[in-house]
C-alpha atoms as a PDB file:
ATOM      1  CA  UNK A   1     180.923-134.401-112.357  1.00  0.00           C
ATOM      2  CA  UNK A   2     182.773-133.349-109.169  1.00  0.00           C
ATOM      3  CA  UNK A   3     185.831-131.293-109.915  1.00  0.00           C
ATOM      4  CA  UNK A   4     188.771-131.306-107.148  1.00  0.00           C
ATOM      5  CA  UNK A   5     191.698-129.013-107.304  1.00  0.00           C
ATOM      6  CA  UNK A   6     194.750-128.238-105.110  1.00  0.00           C
ATOM      7  CA  UNK A   7     196.164-130.512-102.256  1.00  0.00           C
ATOM      8  CA  UNK A   8     194.387-133.646-100.868  1.00  0.00           C
ATOM      9  CA  UNK A   9     195.862-134.315 -97.583  1.00  0.00           C
ATOM     10  CA  UNK A  10     195.085-134.592 -93.914  1.00  0.00           C
ATOM     11  CA  UNK A  11     193.946-131.310 -93.607  1.00  0.00           C
ATOM     12  CA  UNK A  12     191.752-131.145 -96.546  1.00  0.00           C
ATOM     13  CA  UNK A  13     190.463-134.747 -96.496  1.00  0.00           C
ATOM     14  CA  UNK A  14     187.365-134.322 -94.109  1.00  0.00           C
ATOM     15  CA  UNK A  15     186.015-131.536 -96.869  1.00  0.00           C
ATOM     16  CA  UNK A  16     186.636-134.129 -99.699  1.00  0.00           C
ATOM     17  CA  UNK A  17     184.926-136.718 -97.613  1.00  0.00           C
ATOM     18  CA  UNK A  18     181.874-134.765 -97.001  1.00  0.00           C
ATOM     19  CA  UNK A  19     181.724-133.411-100.831  1.00  0.00           C
ATOM     20  CA  UNK A  20     182.233-137.178-102.242  1.00  0.00           C
ATOM     21  CA  UNK A  21     179.682-138.610 -99.809  1.00  0.00           C
ATOM     22  CA  UNK A  22     176.864-136.067-100.725  1.00  0.00           C
ATOM     23  CA  UNK A  23     178.001-136.439-104.492  1.00  0.00           C
ATOM     24  CA  UNK A  24     177.568-140.221-104.430  1.00  0.00           C
ATOM     25  CA  UNK A  25     174.427-140.201-102.575  1.00  0.00           C
ATOM     26  CA  UNK A  26     172.887-137.691-104.836  1.00  0.00           C
ATOM     27  CA  UNK A  27     173.666-140.075-107.976  1.00  0.00           C
ATOM     28  CA  UNK A  28     170.953-142.384-109.591  1.00  0.00           C
ATOM     29  CA  UNK A  29     171.482-145.891-108.570  1.00  0.00           C
ATOM     30  CA  UNK A  30     173.896-147.543-110.949  1.00  0.00           C
ATOM     31  CA  UNK A  31     175.058-144.437-112.237  1.00  0.00           C
ATOM     32  CA  UNK A  32     178.573-143.675-113.244  1.00  0.00           C
ATOM     33  CA  UNK A  33     179.910-140.869-110.985  1.00  0.00           C
ATOM     34  CA  UNK A  34     183.014-138.984-112.341  1.00  0.00           C
ATOM     35  CA  UNK A  35     185.495-137.309-110.318  1.00  0.00           C
ATOM     36  CA  UNK A  36     187.890-134.954-111.985  1.00  0.00           C
ATOM     37  CA  UNK A  37     191.442-134.754-110.090  1.00  0.00           C
ATOM     38  CA  UNK A  38     193.307-132.873-113.142  1.00  0.00           C
ATOM     39  CA  UNK A  39     193.363-129.839-110.807  1.00  0.00           C
ATOM     40  CA  UNK A  40     195.163-131.948-107.951  1.00  0.00           C
ATOM     41  CA  UNK A  41     198.553-131.783-107.370  1.00  0.00           C
ATOM     42  CA  UNK A  42     199.175-133.506-104.161  1.00  0.00           C
ATOM     43  CA  UNK A  43     197.210-136.566-102.959  1.00  0.00           C
ATOM     44  CA  UNK A  44     198.360-138.214-100.038  1.00  0.00           C
ATOM     45  CA  UNK A  45     197.252-141.923 -98.675  1.00  0.00           C
ATOM     46  CA  UNK A  46     194.363-140.289 -96.806  1.00  0.00           C
ATOM     47  CA  UNK A  47     193.021-139.015-100.083  1.00  0.00           C
ATOM     48  CA  UNK A  48     193.336-142.063-101.755  1.00  0.00           C
ATOM     49  CA  UNK A  49     191.424-143.914 -98.998  1.00  0.00           C
ATOM     50  CA  UNK A  50     188.515-141.399 -99.141  1.00  0.00           C
ATOM     51  CA  UNK A  51     188.287-142.038-102.995  1.00  0.00           C
ATOM     52  CA  UNK A  52     188.309-145.754-102.348  1.00  0.00           C
ATOM     53  CA  UNK A  53     185.538-145.274 -99.943  1.00  0.00           C
ATOM     54  CA  UNK A  54     183.638-143.316-102.383  1.00  0.00           C
ATOM     55  CA  UNK A  55     183.940-146.007-105.019  1.00  0.00           C
ATOM     56  CA  UNK A  56     182.884-148.492-102.561  1.00  0.00           C
ATOM     57  CA  UNK A  57     179.752-146.578-101.639  1.00  0.00           C
ATOM     58  CA  UNK A  58     178.891-146.022-105.692  1.00  0.00           C
ATOM     59  CA  UNK A  59     179.409-149.966-106.010  1.00  0.00           C
ATOM     60  CA  UNK A  60     177.036-150.451-103.156  1.00  0.00           C
ATOM     61  CA  UNK A  61     174.199-149.051-105.264  1.00  0.00           C
ATOM     62  CA  UNK A  62     175.440-150.830-108.455  1.00  0.00           C
ATOM     63  CA  UNK A  63     177.228-147.639-109.725  1.00  0.00           C
ATOM     64  CA  UNK A  64     180.820-146.880-110.658  1.00  0.00           C
ATOM     65  CA  UNK A  65     183.306-144.235-109.591  1.00  0.00           C
ATOM     66  CA  UNK A  66     185.641-143.120-112.371  1.00  0.00           C
ATOM     67  CA  UNK A  67     188.503-140.726-111.557  1.00  0.00           C
ATOM     68  CA  UNK A  68     189.902-138.536-114.291  1.00  0.00           C
ATOM     69  CA  UNK A  69     193.601-138.051-114.041  1.00  0.00           C
ATOM     70  CA  UNK A  70     195.742-136.980-117.074  1.00  0.00           C
ATOM     71  CA  UNK A  71     199.077-138.408-117.483  1.00  0.00           C
ATOM     72  CA  UNK A  72     201.595-136.891-115.069  1.00  0.00           C
ATOM     73  CA  UNK A  73     202.990-137.245-111.443  1.00  0.00           C
ATOM     74  CA  UNK A  74     199.277-137.821-109.848  1.00  0.00           C
ATOM     75  CA  UNK A  75     198.654-140.488-112.608  1.00  0.00           C
ATOM     76  CA  UNK A  76     201.823-142.269-111.788  1.00  0.00           C
ATOM     77  CA  UNK A  77     201.147-142.227-108.194  1.00  0.00           C
ATOM     78  CA  UNK A  78     197.632-143.676-108.704  1.00  0.00           C
ATOM     79  CA  UNK A  79     199.642-146.521-110.913  1.00  0.00           C
ATOM     80  CA  UNK A  80     202.364-146.896-108.129  1.00  0.00           C
ATOM     81  CA  UNK A  81     199.871-147.408-105.255  1.00  0.00           C
ATOM     82  CA  UNK A  82     197.794-149.628-107.260  1.00  0.00           C
ATOM     83  CA  UNK A  83     194.999-147.446-106.838  1.00  0.00           C
ATOM     84  CA  UNK A  84     194.050-147.844-110.599  1.00  0.00           C
ATOM     85  CA  UNK A  85     193.444-151.600-109.999  1.00  0.00           C
ATOM     86  CA  UNK A  86     190.771-150.749-107.790  1.00  0.00           C
ATOM     87  CA  UNK A  87     189.129-147.751-109.206  1.00  0.00           C
ATOM     88  CA  UNK A  88     188.907-146.906-113.038  1.00  0.00           C
ATOM     89  CA  UNK A  89     191.202-144.113-113.999  1.00  0.00           C
ATOM     90  CA  UNK A  90     190.596-142.081-117.159  1.00  0.00           C
ATOM     91  CA  UNK A  91     192.732-139.734-119.324  1.00  0.00           C
ATOM     92  CA  UNK A  92     190.149-137.088-119.555  1.00  0.00           C
ATOM     93  CA  UNK A  93     186.547-136.410-119.131  1.00  0.00           C
ATOM     94  CA  UNK A  94     185.431-137.168-122.408  1.00  0.00           C
ATOM     95  CA  UNK A  95     186.857-140.788-122.009  1.00  0.00           C
ATOM     96  CA  UNK A  96     185.450-141.004-118.576  1.00  0.00           C
ATOM     97  CA  UNK A  97     181.911-140.549-119.666  1.00  0.00           C
ATOM     98  CA  UNK A  98     182.109-142.151-123.072  1.00  0.00           C
ATOM     99  CA  UNK A  99     182.641-145.521-122.007  1.00  0.00           C
ATOM    100  CA  UNK A 100     183.442-147.459-119.019  1.00  0.00           C
ATOM    101  CA  UNK A 101     187.154-147.579-118.323  1.00  0.00           C
ATOM    102  CA  UNK A 102     188.519-150.963-116.835  1.00  0.00           C
ATOM    103  CA  UNK A 103     190.496-151.036-113.739  1.00  0.00           C
ATOM    104  CA  UNK A 104     193.863-152.639-114.059  1.00  0.00           C
ATOM    105  CA  UNK A 105     194.220-156.473-113.367  1.00  0.00           C
END
């Protein structure tokens, strides 16, 4: 699991991209990789794009990326932008690792 905290914005997105790229590449093919965003309080569109790219790379190996985000303002943003329709969003780490979380349709 990769824990992210603070702000995800234009200034921090290069570090996030590098971390996610390494994290997904290190995962076993077909594995579910979990990214915990519970410590994130701001995520702009560039951050969402990086997360979408990581999900795409995970899927290319037969895996899946699941984002953990408790109910709150960030979770609302993920729904408003329809991010949760492209990437599975779980309310807790336990839920993310217990069973696949469907994306919205």
